[in-house]
Protein backbone atom coordinates (compact mmCIF):
# COMPACT_ATOMS: atom_id res chain seq x y z
CA MET A 1 -77.29 -95.69 -173.07
CA GLU A 2 -77.79 -97.06 -169.55
CA PRO A 3 -75.70 -94.86 -166.94
CA THR A 4 -74.11 -98.03 -165.95
CA LEU A 5 -72.91 -98.59 -169.41
CA VAL A 6 -71.83 -95.20 -169.44
CA GLY A 7 -69.66 -95.56 -165.85
CA VAL A 8 -68.07 -99.23 -167.20
CA VAL A 9 -67.33 -97.97 -170.79
CA ALA A 10 -65.41 -95.01 -169.13
CA ILE A 11 -63.16 -97.05 -166.63
CA LEU A 12 -62.68 -99.82 -169.11
CA THR A 13 -61.02 -96.46 -171.59
CA ALA A 14 -59.12 -95.43 -169.27
CA LEU A 15 -57.65 -98.53 -168.30
CA SER A 16 -57.35 -99.58 -171.90
CA LEU A 17 -55.43 -96.40 -172.66
CA PHE A 18 -52.95 -97.26 -169.30
CA VAL A 19 -52.19 -100.60 -170.72
CA THR A 20 -51.68 -99.23 -174.45
CA GLY A 21 -49.27 -97.14 -172.46
CA VAL A 22 -50.81 -94.03 -173.94
CA LEU A 23 -51.25 -93.02 -170.07
CA THR A 24 -49.52 -93.62 -166.81
CA ALA A 25 -51.32 -95.08 -164.20
CA ASP A 26 -50.92 -91.80 -162.06
CA GLU A 27 -52.82 -89.94 -165.05
CA ALA A 28 -55.67 -92.97 -165.46
CA LEU A 29 -56.76 -92.86 -162.23
CA ALA A 30 -56.33 -88.75 -161.84
CA GLY A 31 -59.48 -88.52 -162.41
CA PHE A 32 -61.04 -90.56 -159.96
CA GLY A 33 -59.60 -87.58 -157.49
CA ASP A 34 -60.48 -84.52 -159.76
CA ARG A 35 -62.57 -81.88 -157.27
CA VAL A 36 -64.96 -81.56 -160.41
CA VAL A 37 -65.83 -85.42 -160.85
CA ILE A 38 -66.73 -84.80 -157.05
CA PHE A 39 -68.50 -82.11 -157.31
CA VAL A 40 -70.47 -83.42 -159.79
CA ALA A 41 -70.75 -87.00 -158.06
CA ALA A 42 -71.98 -84.92 -155.23
CA LEU A 43 -74.72 -82.86 -157.30
CA PHE A 44 -76.03 -86.17 -157.85
CA VAL A 45 -76.41 -87.52 -154.40
CA VAL A 46 -78.04 -84.70 -153.51
CA SER A 47 -80.87 -84.81 -156.03
CA GLU A 48 -81.33 -88.25 -155.44
CA GLY A 49 -81.53 -86.91 -151.51
CA LEU A 50 -84.41 -84.66 -152.06
CA ASP A 51 -86.47 -87.01 -154.27
CA ALA A 52 -86.06 -90.34 -152.01
CA THR A 53 -87.25 -88.05 -148.97
CA GLY A 54 -90.31 -86.75 -150.41
CA VAL A 55 -88.80 -83.00 -150.67
CA THR A 56 -89.99 -81.76 -154.19
CA THR A 57 -93.31 -83.53 -153.83
CA TRP A 58 -93.70 -81.96 -150.37
CA ALA A 59 -93.00 -78.52 -151.39
CA GLY A 60 -94.89 -78.70 -155.13
CA GLN A 61 -97.76 -80.10 -153.16
CA ALA A 62 -97.80 -77.00 -150.63
CA ILE A 63 -97.15 -74.32 -153.48
CA THR A 64 -100.45 -75.85 -155.49
CA ASP A 65 -102.16 -75.94 -152.29
CA ARG A 66 -101.58 -71.75 -151.51
CA THR A 67 -101.59 -70.93 -154.98
CA GLY A 68 -104.93 -71.86 -155.86
CA THR A 69 -105.89 -73.66 -159.35
CA GLY A 70 -105.31 -71.02 -162.16
CA ARG A 71 -103.03 -71.76 -164.84
CA THR A 72 -100.78 -68.29 -164.59
CA VAL A 73 -100.39 -68.55 -161.02
CA LEU A 74 -99.74 -72.63 -161.38
CA LEU A 75 -97.16 -71.85 -163.93
CA VAL A 76 -95.59 -68.90 -163.06
CA SER A 77 -95.17 -71.14 -159.31
CA PHE A 78 -93.87 -73.99 -160.92
CA MET A 79 -91.46 -72.63 -163.30
CA VAL A 80 -89.99 -70.14 -160.53
CA PHE A 81 -90.00 -73.45 -158.16
CA ALA A 82 -88.12 -75.08 -160.75
CA GLY A 83 -85.42 -72.05 -161.79
CA VAL A 84 -84.69 -72.49 -158.00
CA LEU A 85 -84.54 -76.17 -157.41
CA SER A 86 -82.24 -76.60 -160.36
CA ALA A 87 -79.52 -74.01 -158.93
CA VAL A 88 -79.60 -76.79 -156.21
CA VAL A 89 -79.92 -80.08 -158.44
CA SER A 90 -79.41 -79.44 -162.25
CA PRO A 91 -81.68 -79.04 -164.44
CA ASN A 92 -82.21 -82.90 -165.29
CA GLY A 93 -83.24 -83.76 -161.46
CA ALA A 94 -85.44 -80.76 -161.00
CA VAL A 95 -87.39 -81.72 -164.11
CA ALA A 96 -87.76 -85.51 -162.81
CA ALA A 97 -88.90 -84.77 -159.69
CA LEU A 98 -91.19 -82.23 -160.51
CA LEU A 99 -92.80 -83.43 -163.75
CA PRO A 100 -95.63 -86.64 -162.08
CA MET A 101 -96.75 -83.94 -159.64
CA VAL A 102 -97.35 -81.06 -162.52
CA VAL A 103 -98.73 -83.73 -164.62
CA VAL A 104 -101.56 -84.37 -161.89
CA VAL A 105 -102.17 -81.33 -161.10
CA ALA A 106 -102.16 -80.54 -164.93
CA VAL A 107 -105.21 -83.20 -165.33
CA ARG A 108 -106.93 -82.37 -161.86
CA GLN A 109 -107.49 -78.77 -162.52
CA GLY A 110 -108.15 -79.46 -165.99
CA HIS A 111 -105.23 -78.10 -167.64
CA ALA A 112 -102.90 -79.18 -170.64
CA PRO A 113 -100.50 -81.17 -169.83
CA SER A 114 -98.34 -79.48 -172.67
CA GLN A 115 -99.08 -75.66 -171.50
CA LEU A 116 -97.22 -76.92 -167.94
CA LEU A 117 -94.50 -79.38 -168.95
CA ILE A 118 -92.62 -77.20 -171.27
CA PRO A 119 -92.28 -74.29 -169.68
CA LEU A 120 -91.30 -76.35 -166.43
CA ALA A 121 -88.52 -78.22 -168.90
CA PHE A 122 -87.12 -74.16 -170.00
CA ALA A 123 -87.59 -73.18 -166.65
CA ALA A 124 -85.22 -75.78 -165.29
CA HIS A 125 -82.67 -74.97 -167.35
CA GLY A 126 -82.63 -71.02 -166.95
CA GLY A 127 -82.50 -71.77 -163.16
CA SER A 128 -79.28 -74.15 -164.25
CA LEU A 129 -76.92 -70.42 -164.67
CA LEU A 130 -78.22 -69.36 -161.14
CA ALA A 131 -75.46 -71.15 -158.76
CA LEU A 132 -72.47 -72.96 -159.46
CA SER A 133 -74.10 -75.92 -158.99
CA GLY A 134 -76.71 -75.62 -161.04
CA SER A 135 -75.19 -77.65 -163.73
CA PRO A 136 -71.64 -80.10 -164.26
CA VAL A 137 -71.41 -77.95 -166.88
CA ASN A 138 -70.52 -74.84 -164.86
CA VAL A 139 -68.33 -76.65 -162.31
CA ILE A 140 -66.21 -77.52 -165.87
CA VAL A 141 -66.14 -74.46 -167.23
CA SER A 142 -65.08 -72.92 -163.40
CA ASN A 143 -62.13 -75.56 -163.52
CA ALA A 144 -60.97 -74.90 -166.88
CA LEU A 145 -61.16 -71.13 -165.71
CA ALA A 146 -58.91 -71.74 -162.78
CA ASP A 147 -56.48 -74.11 -165.06
CA ALA A 148 -55.70 -71.40 -167.56
CA GLY A 149 -54.58 -69.39 -164.62
CA GLY A 150 -58.18 -66.95 -164.66
CA GLN A 151 -60.07 -66.96 -161.13
CA PRO A 152 -62.41 -69.51 -160.65
CA PHE A 153 -65.85 -68.79 -160.96
CA LYS A 154 -67.45 -68.01 -157.39
CA PHE A 155 -70.83 -69.81 -156.40
CA PHE A 156 -72.96 -66.98 -157.28
CA ASP A 157 -71.53 -65.47 -160.06
CA PHE A 158 -73.55 -67.32 -162.44
CA THR A 159 -77.11 -65.30 -161.30
CA ILE A 160 -76.14 -61.91 -163.36
CA VAL A 161 -76.90 -64.08 -166.58
CA GLY A 162 -79.60 -66.89 -164.90
CA LEU A 163 -81.89 -64.35 -163.09
CA PRO A 164 -82.83 -62.23 -165.86
CA LEU A 165 -82.89 -65.39 -168.36
CA LEU A 166 -85.28 -67.05 -166.13
CA ILE A 167 -87.46 -63.47 -165.86
CA VAL A 168 -87.74 -63.79 -169.19
CA THR A 169 -88.42 -67.33 -169.63
CA VAL A 170 -91.28 -67.33 -167.50
CA LEU A 171 -92.84 -64.28 -168.89
CA LEU A 172 -92.18 -65.46 -172.02
CA ALA A 173 -94.43 -68.44 -170.67
CA VAL A 174 -97.05 -66.58 -169.35
CA PHE A 175 -98.47 -64.03 -172.10
CA ALA A 176 -96.95 -65.96 -175.46
CA GLY A 177 -97.83 -69.55 -173.59
CA PRO A 178 -101.25 -69.78 -174.60
CA LYS A 179 -100.80 -68.99 -178.30
CA LEU A 180 -97.41 -70.55 -179.12
CA LEU A 181 -97.52 -74.20 -176.78
CA PRO A 182 -99.49 -77.00 -178.40
CA ASN A 183 -103.16 -77.58 -176.58
CA ARG A 184 -103.17 -81.19 -176.36
CA ALA A 185 -105.46 -82.91 -174.62
CA PRO A 186 -104.08 -86.84 -173.58
CA THR A 187 -105.14 -89.65 -175.09
CA SER A 188 -106.24 -91.16 -172.40
CA ILE A 189 -106.95 -89.48 -168.87
CA LEU A 190 -104.10 -90.20 -166.06
CA SER A 191 -105.65 -91.87 -162.84
CA ASP A 192 -105.58 -89.44 -160.12
CA LEU A 193 -104.38 -91.41 -156.82
CA GLY A 194 -104.83 -88.46 -154.45
CA ARG A 195 -107.77 -89.16 -153.09
CA HIS A 196 -107.38 -93.28 -153.52
CA ALA A 197 -106.74 -93.98 -150.22
CA ALA A 198 -109.38 -91.71 -149.12
CA THR A 199 -112.35 -93.50 -151.14
CA LEU A 200 -110.77 -96.96 -150.61
CA SER A 201 -110.91 -95.97 -145.96
CA GLY A 202 -114.04 -94.64 -146.21
CA HIS A 203 -115.49 -97.46 -149.03
CA TYR A 204 -114.44 -100.09 -146.88
CA ALA A 205 -114.74 -98.97 -143.11
CA LEU A 206 -111.21 -99.19 -142.49
CA GLN A 207 -111.93 -96.26 -139.87
CA ASP A 208 -112.21 -99.10 -137.31
CA GLY A 209 -108.64 -100.50 -137.86
CA PHE A 210 -107.49 -103.43 -136.23
CA TYR A 211 -104.28 -104.36 -133.97
CA ARG A 212 -102.36 -107.48 -134.78
CA LEU A 213 -101.15 -108.87 -131.85
CA ARG A 214 -98.33 -111.54 -131.32
CA VAL A 215 -98.19 -114.61 -128.85
CA THR A 216 -94.98 -114.50 -126.35
CA GLU A 217 -92.99 -117.42 -125.01
CA GLY A 218 -94.96 -117.40 -121.53
CA SER A 219 -97.98 -115.87 -122.67
CA CYS A 220 -101.38 -116.59 -120.46
CA LEU A 221 -103.05 -117.38 -123.42
CA THR A 222 -100.79 -120.26 -124.58
CA GLY A 223 -103.06 -123.55 -124.46
CA ALA A 224 -106.42 -121.15 -124.99
CA THR A 225 -108.89 -121.86 -127.84
CA LEU A 226 -109.89 -118.87 -130.44
CA GLN A 227 -113.56 -119.24 -128.26
CA ASP A 228 -111.98 -118.99 -124.61
CA LEU A 229 -109.80 -115.75 -126.83
CA THR A 230 -113.37 -114.36 -127.84
CA LYS A 231 -115.01 -114.67 -124.03
CA ALA A 232 -111.78 -113.46 -122.25
CA THR A 233 -112.28 -110.07 -124.64
CA PRO A 234 -116.12 -109.17 -124.29
CA THR A 235 -114.82 -105.11 -124.97
CA LEU A 236 -113.19 -106.45 -128.13
CA SER A 237 -113.94 -107.95 -131.53
CA VAL A 238 -111.07 -111.35 -132.06
CA LEU A 239 -110.87 -110.92 -135.81
CA GLY A 240 -108.79 -113.97 -136.47
CA LEU A 241 -105.69 -116.01 -135.54
CA GLN A 242 -103.07 -116.57 -137.68
CA ILE A 243 -100.56 -119.69 -137.36
CA PRO A 244 -96.69 -119.40 -137.74
CA SER A 245 -97.40 -121.72 -140.98
CA GLY A 246 -99.55 -118.31 -142.42
CA GLU A 247 -102.89 -120.29 -142.54
CA ALA A 248 -106.04 -119.09 -140.49
CA ALA A 249 -106.13 -120.93 -137.64
CA ALA A 250 -109.04 -123.91 -136.88
CA ALA A 251 -111.66 -123.88 -134.42
CA ASN A 252 -110.29 -126.11 -131.85
CA HIS A 253 -106.76 -124.66 -132.75
CA LEU A 254 -104.47 -124.57 -129.36
CA ILE A 255 -103.03 -121.11 -128.90
CA GLY A 256 -99.23 -120.96 -128.96
CA ALA A 257 -95.92 -118.93 -129.21
CA GLY A 258 -96.18 -117.12 -132.61
CA ASP A 259 -99.62 -116.95 -133.20
CA ALA A 260 -100.60 -113.73 -134.14
CA VAL A 261 -104.22 -112.35 -132.62
CA SER A 262 -105.98 -109.48 -134.93
CA LEU A 263 -108.38 -107.33 -132.61
CA SER A 264 -110.46 -104.60 -133.28
CA GLY A 265 -111.43 -102.42 -130.91
CA SER A 266 -110.10 -98.60 -128.87
CA ALA A 267 -106.26 -98.32 -128.18
CA GLN A 268 -106.23 -98.06 -124.80
CA GLU A 269 -108.31 -101.71 -124.35
CA VAL A 270 -106.52 -103.75 -126.38
CA ILE A 271 -102.84 -102.21 -125.29
CA CYS A 272 -104.04 -102.97 -122.28
CA PHE A 273 -105.12 -106.70 -122.97
CA ALA A 274 -101.85 -106.89 -125.10
CA GLN A 275 -99.82 -105.92 -121.27
CA SER A 276 -101.71 -108.46 -119.18
CA ASN A 277 -101.55 -111.58 -121.25
CA GLY A 278 -97.79 -111.22 -122.95
CA LEU A 279 -98.90 -109.93 -125.94
CA ASN A 280 -96.67 -107.45 -128.93
CA VAL A 281 -98.55 -104.99 -130.59
CA GLY A 282 -97.30 -105.51 -134.36
CA MET A 283 -99.32 -103.81 -136.16
CA SER A 284 -101.63 -100.29 -135.46
CA PRO A 285 -104.86 -99.37 -137.23
CA VAL A 286 -104.25 -98.06 -140.96
CA THR A 287 -105.45 -94.66 -141.60
CA ALA A 288 -106.23 -92.80 -144.76
CA GLU A 289 -102.85 -91.22 -144.46
CA THR A 290 -100.47 -94.44 -143.96
CA LEU A 291 -102.50 -96.17 -147.11
CA MET A 292 -100.25 -94.56 -149.62
CA THR A 293 -97.18 -93.63 -148.80
CA ARG A 294 -93.45 -94.16 -150.03
CA GLN A 295 -93.12 -97.63 -148.49
CA MET A 296 -96.34 -98.60 -149.15
CA GLY A 297 -99.78 -98.85 -151.35
CA VAL A 298 -103.02 -100.32 -151.57
CA VAL A 299 -105.08 -102.23 -154.10
CA ASP A 300 -108.52 -103.64 -154.45
CA VAL A 301 -108.82 -107.11 -155.90
CA VAL A 302 -111.11 -109.50 -157.08
CA VAL A 303 -111.02 -113.50 -155.80
CA PRO A 304 -111.43 -114.90 -159.65
CA PRO A 305 -112.56 -118.46 -160.29
CA ARG A 306 -110.59 -121.50 -159.86
CA SER A 307 -108.17 -119.38 -158.02
CA PRO A 308 -105.41 -120.82 -154.86
CA LEU A 309 -107.35 -118.56 -152.73
CA VAL A 310 -111.61 -119.70 -153.62
CA GLY A 311 -111.80 -121.65 -150.12
CA GLU A 312 -109.17 -120.37 -147.62
CA ARG A 313 -109.80 -118.30 -144.78
CA PHE A 314 -108.87 -114.74 -144.56
CA PHE A 315 -109.53 -111.75 -141.74
CA PRO A 316 -108.23 -108.60 -141.32
CA GLY A 317 -104.76 -108.30 -139.84
CA MET A 318 -103.80 -111.51 -141.69
CA VAL A 319 -100.45 -111.62 -143.02
CA ARG A 320 -99.60 -113.31 -146.66
CA GLN A 321 -96.03 -113.66 -148.28
CA GLY A 322 -94.43 -111.90 -145.68
CA THR A 323 -95.54 -107.87 -146.55
CA ILE A 324 -98.92 -108.57 -147.94
CA VAL A 325 -101.83 -107.36 -145.19
CA VAL A 326 -105.33 -108.19 -145.57
CA LEU A 327 -107.58 -105.26 -144.52
CA ALA A 328 -111.05 -106.13 -145.56
CA ILE A 329 -113.18 -108.77 -147.36
CA GLY A 330 -116.71 -108.77 -148.94
CA HIS A 331 -119.17 -111.62 -150.77
CA LEU A 332 -121.64 -110.54 -152.65
CA GLY A 333 -124.72 -108.91 -150.60
CA LEU A 334 -122.44 -107.98 -147.86
CA GLU A 335 -122.97 -104.52 -147.09
CA ALA A 336 -119.69 -102.35 -148.32
CA GLY A 337 -117.96 -102.13 -144.83
CA ARG A 338 -117.45 -106.19 -144.94
CA ARG A 339 -115.73 -106.18 -148.24
CA TRP A 340 -112.20 -106.80 -148.78
CA SER A 341 -108.85 -105.05 -149.74
CA SER A 342 -105.21 -105.91 -149.17
CA CYS A 343 -102.14 -103.24 -149.08
CA GLY A 344 -97.84 -104.14 -149.01
């Protein structure tokens, strides 16, 4: 059942009990102010925040870089990390955040994913008993104990059970795991995109970079042609001019406000040219480090026959559909550094 549907069913159930007279209005709405509900909701917020900001991915990558490639070292590191993380964001959140990274590491280092993923899940559930925030069940039990007249659990009261459980789980996975855990090879090897950006950057010579400058009102380039612009920038390479409608400007097009000029050259010369001619820098050179992020990706495409793009003119720095930026292009027979790709 979808999470949204679960929430709708829960709210409708409370409303139906109120309408039928089983609950009063205060009783039907009491759950929204219950401290357990608020605390559990806060756990999901923290879990999503750690995942969305890339903290778990960064930490996992740091572990991989420092522990090496051996199965035992990777297994212990990931299990301990999953257990500690589960104490903060719950087992489900920890496993969901670490699962893609563990699979990639397993494939990259030649290990069976099943040898790492199953212990990861057990370690996460063991780590949920390291602290009160490790699981919503811990909070509910603590609240029930307080309602029954007892003393609610403190934040680390569960550690006396969770720490030995996590240690035993790690030891069992290390020593008994090779015999008990399945050693299954995936039917299809997952694509390792970790080095994809660097490969494309070198293949398409993206280290040269480009700048996208937008012509402003009152710019001294207004009324000039593309040929005039080329003559005015002998130390820079003019890659192209794009008009506001999104098309590449014709050779006799008169530059106007809103046009975008793509230049290649040193950063200092481009900035100096932009300042002296009333241009705004709209895009800096794209590097291998910025090609693949949480906000941007890169794709290598081939234009098929009878495509609407056949016959159109493109150049590096050209923007299509608002967010897609052309990085490079090439035709048959041209060197790799002049081929095209796009990112967005």
